[in-house]
Amino acid sequence: MNLLRKNRHNTYKADEYATSEEFRDLFLKDMAGLYLLSFLLTANHEKAEQCFVAGLEDCVKRNSVFKEWARSWARRAIVHNAIQIVAPHPNRDSESFAGIQREGDRKRQETQDQHGAIASVLVLEHFARFVFVMSILERYSEKECSVLLGCSQQDVREARMRALQQFAEYTTRNAARQGDLIQSLSRLPELQVL
């Protein structure tokens, strides 16, 4: 009789954990969101694919995650793999938006067809982009960011402030350009409806 109770308990306990199949389903259902996270972190489609696949492999191999935590575990696996692939470090030389302009111009060309908010994240230098995505979008604490990125909390605070400033500058500049374009288009007779 005692043996039966123990087996029921073990079966119940096993049902609490996400299985490999459940992780595969999660990655399939949320493929767009998980890939977008990978892309925002790496700012490169090849690296984003590597990060996505490595995240899936990590999750499938580990079955000791509670089902309720599976989604956050998958996102965390993506972040961990992106950190390993890109290896971002604090760079105090690029404290202004002008310091990353050359890299930003290249990334802007690659993302012309994409949403402006995505493009504004992609123009950030590596470390600031990681801090922005992790602390603002994924809501990691300063301490979590500093531990995962291997830097001080002060480095995280400074990078977040730079990233927010650069994000705002880029968004403002592009909003002004889009406003000018809409005004120009609205002057054409056939587009007065806009």
Protein backbone atom coordinates (compact mmCIF):
# COMPACT_ATOMS: atom_id res chain seq x y z
CA MET A 1 0.00 0.00 0.00
CA ASN A 2 2.79 2.42 0.81
CA LEU A 3 4.42 1.60 -2.52
CA LEU A 4 1.29 2.66 -4.42
CA ARG A 5 1.19 6.03 -2.69
CA LYS A 6 4.83 6.63 -3.49
CA ASN A 7 4.28 5.83 -7.18
CA ARG A 8 1.26 8.14 -7.38
CA HIS A 9 3.33 10.91 -5.85
CA ASN A 10 6.19 10.36 -8.30
CA THR A 11 3.79 10.32 -11.25
CA TYR A 12 2.16 13.51 -10.05
CA LYS A 13 5.56 15.12 -9.58
CA ALA A 14 6.65 14.13 -13.10
CA ASP A 15 3.50 15.76 -14.52
CA GLU A 16 4.59 19.09 -13.01
CA TYR A 17 7.62 19.36 -15.31
CA ALA A 18 7.66 20.42 -18.96
CA THR A 19 8.57 17.62 -21.35
CA SER A 20 10.73 17.81 -24.46
CA GLU A 21 7.60 17.68 -26.60
CA GLU A 22 6.04 20.56 -24.68
CA PHE A 23 9.17 22.65 -25.27
CA ARG A 24 9.07 21.80 -28.98
CA ASP A 25 5.42 22.85 -29.10
CA LEU A 26 6.24 26.06 -27.23
CA PHE A 27 9.00 26.93 -29.71
CA LEU A 28 6.67 26.17 -32.62
CA LYS A 29 3.76 28.20 -31.24
CA ASP A 30 5.92 31.17 -30.22
CA MET A 31 8.46 30.91 -33.03
CA ALA A 32 7.98 34.51 -34.16
CA GLY A 33 8.37 35.95 -30.65
CA LEU A 34 11.37 33.82 -29.73
CA TYR A 35 13.08 34.50 -33.06
CA LEU A 36 12.40 38.23 -32.67
CA LEU A 37 14.04 38.12 -29.24
CA SER A 38 17.04 36.34 -30.78
CA PHE A 39 17.23 38.88 -33.59
CA LEU A 40 16.92 41.91 -31.30
CA LEU A 41 19.78 40.59 -29.18
CA THR A 42 22.12 39.52 -32.00
CA ALA A 43 21.08 42.07 -34.68
CA ASN A 44 22.01 39.44 -37.26
CA HIS A 45 19.76 36.86 -38.92
CA GLU A 46 22.39 34.09 -39.02
CA LYS A 47 23.29 34.54 -35.37
CA ALA A 48 19.61 34.81 -34.45
CA GLU A 49 18.97 31.43 -36.09
CA GLN A 50 21.91 29.89 -34.22
CA CYS A 51 20.63 31.37 -30.97
CA PHE A 52 17.07 30.14 -31.58
CA VAL A 53 18.19 26.59 -32.42
CA ALA A 54 20.60 26.44 -29.46
CA GLY A 55 17.82 27.68 -27.17
CA LEU A 56 15.49 24.97 -28.40
CA GLU A 57 18.16 22.30 -27.94
CA ASP A 58 18.90 23.52 -24.40
CA CYS A 59 15.23 23.42 -23.44
CA VAL A 60 14.57 20.01 -24.98
CA LYS A 61 17.55 18.48 -23.16
CA ARG A 62 16.40 19.76 -19.75
CA ASN A 63 13.23 18.27 -18.39
CA SER A 64 13.47 19.61 -14.86
CA VAL A 65 11.59 22.85 -15.47
CA PHE A 66 8.10 23.40 -14.08
CA LYS A 67 5.47 23.69 -16.80
CA GLU A 68 4.49 27.15 -15.55
CA TRP A 69 8.08 28.33 -16.08
CA ALA A 70 8.59 26.80 -19.54
CA ARG A 71 7.94 30.02 -21.48
CA SER A 72 10.25 32.13 -19.32
CA TRP A 73 12.84 29.32 -19.36
CA ALA A 74 12.76 29.31 -23.18
CA ARG A 75 13.24 33.09 -23.32
CA ARG A 76 16.08 32.84 -20.80
CA ALA A 77 17.74 30.12 -22.90
CA ILE A 78 17.58 32.48 -25.90
CA VAL A 79 19.21 35.26 -23.84
CA HIS A 80 21.96 32.94 -22.56
CA ASN A 81 22.77 31.71 -26.04
CA ALA A 82 22.77 35.22 -27.49
CA ILE A 83 25.26 36.29 -24.81
CA GLN A 84 27.51 33.35 -25.70
CA ILE A 85 27.28 34.03 -29.44
CA VAL A 86 27.78 37.82 -29.38
CA ALA A 87 29.76 38.20 -26.12
CA PRO A 88 28.78 41.85 -25.48
CA HIS A 89 31.03 43.90 -23.19
CA PRO A 90 30.72 47.43 -21.82
CA ASN A 91 32.32 49.88 -24.22
CA ARG A 92 32.77 53.27 -22.66
CA ASP A 93 34.15 54.74 -25.91
CA SER A 94 30.77 54.62 -27.64
CA GLU A 95 28.77 56.69 -25.20
CA SER A 96 27.12 58.83 -27.84
CA PHE A 97 24.86 57.93 -30.72
CA ALA A 98 27.52 59.28 -33.11
CA GLY A 99 29.94 56.66 -31.79
CA ILE A 100 27.81 53.89 -33.31
CA GLN A 101 26.66 55.71 -36.40
CA ARG A 102 28.63 53.60 -38.91
CA GLU A 103 27.30 50.31 -37.51
CA GLY A 104 23.86 51.88 -37.15
CA ASP A 105 23.76 52.97 -40.81
CA ARG A 106 24.52 49.42 -41.97
CA LYS A 107 21.84 47.93 -39.71
CA ARG A 108 19.33 50.59 -40.76
CA GLN A 109 19.87 49.63 -44.41
CA GLU A 110 19.19 45.97 -43.55
CA THR A 111 15.96 46.83 -41.74
CA GLN A 112 14.37 49.42 -44.01
CA ASP A 113 11.29 47.28 -44.43
CA GLN A 114 10.96 46.52 -40.75
CA HIS A 115 9.04 48.29 -38.03
CA GLY A 116 10.69 51.47 -36.74
CA ALA A 117 10.90 50.25 -33.15
CA ILE A 118 12.85 47.17 -34.21
CA ALA A 119 15.21 49.29 -36.30
CA SER A 120 15.75 51.65 -33.33
CA VAL A 121 16.88 48.73 -31.17
CA LEU A 122 19.13 47.31 -33.88
CA VAL A 123 21.14 50.53 -34.24
CA LEU A 124 22.29 50.33 -30.62
CA GLU A 125 25.83 49.08 -30.00
CA HIS A 126 26.02 45.48 -28.79
CA PHE A 127 26.25 46.00 -25.04
CA ALA A 128 23.64 48.77 -24.89
CA ARG A 129 21.32 46.68 -27.08
CA PHE A 130 21.64 43.68 -24.75
CA VAL A 131 21.00 45.82 -21.70
CA PHE A 132 18.02 47.50 -23.38
CA VAL A 133 16.41 44.23 -24.44
CA MET A 134 17.13 42.46 -21.16
CA SER A 135 16.21 45.25 -18.75
CA ILE A 136 13.47 47.10 -20.64
CA LEU A 137 11.82 44.47 -22.83
CA GLU A 138 12.47 41.31 -20.79
CA ARG A 139 12.35 43.12 -17.41
CA TYR A 140 15.51 41.64 -15.91
CA SER A 141 16.76 43.45 -12.83
CA GLU A 142 20.05 45.37 -12.89
CA LYS A 143 21.58 42.63 -10.78
CA GLU A 144 20.41 39.87 -13.14
CA CYS A 145 21.76 41.80 -16.13
CA SER A 146 25.11 42.41 -14.48
CA VAL A 147 25.49 38.74 -13.50
CA LEU A 148 24.51 37.42 -16.93
CA LEU A 149 26.62 39.98 -18.82
CA GLY A 150 29.58 39.73 -16.44
CA CYS A 151 29.76 43.44 -15.63
CA SER A 152 28.94 45.83 -12.81
CA GLN A 153 25.47 47.15 -12.06
CA GLN A 154 26.85 50.61 -12.79
CA ASP A 155 27.79 49.44 -16.31
CA VAL A 156 24.20 48.22 -16.75
CA ARG A 157 22.72 51.54 -15.52
CA GLU A 158 24.96 53.60 -17.81
CA ALA A 159 24.28 51.38 -20.82
CA ARG A 160 20.52 51.50 -20.19
CA MET A 161 20.58 55.30 -20.03
CA ARG A 162 22.63 55.50 -23.27
CA ALA A 163 20.31 53.02 -24.95
CA LEU A 164 17.16 54.90 -23.90
CA GLN A 165 18.64 58.18 -25.08
CA GLN A 166 19.76 56.71 -28.43
CA PHE A 167 16.43 54.92 -28.86
CA ALA A 168 14.56 58.19 -28.28
CA GLU A 169 16.84 60.15 -30.64
CA TYR A 170 16.50 57.59 -33.42
CA THR A 171 12.73 57.32 -32.98
CA THR A 172 12.32 61.11 -32.98
CA ARG A 173 14.45 61.52 -36.11
CA ASN A 174 12.54 58.81 -37.96
CA ALA A 175 9.16 60.14 -36.83
CA ALA A 176 10.10 63.53 -38.28
CA ARG A 177 11.12 61.88 -41.58
CA GLN A 178 7.91 59.87 -41.72
CA GLY A 179 5.89 63.01 -40.98
CA ASP A 180 7.63 64.85 -43.86
CA LEU A 181 6.94 61.92 -46.19
CA ILE A 182 3.25 61.81 -45.24
CA GLN A 183 2.94 65.58 -45.77
CA SER A 184 4.58 65.29 -49.19
CA LEU A 185 2.31 62.43 -50.18
CA SER A 186 -0.81 64.23 -48.97
CA ARG A 187 -0.06 67.12 -51.35
CA LEU A 188 -0.58 64.81 -54.32
CA PRO A 189 -4.18 65.10 -55.57
CA GLU A 190 -4.90 61.37 -55.74
CA LEU A 191 -3.65 60.81 -52.17
CA GLN A 192 -5.72 63.49 -50.45
CA VAL A 193 -7.57 60.75 -48.62
CA LEU A 194 -4.55 60.13 -46.37
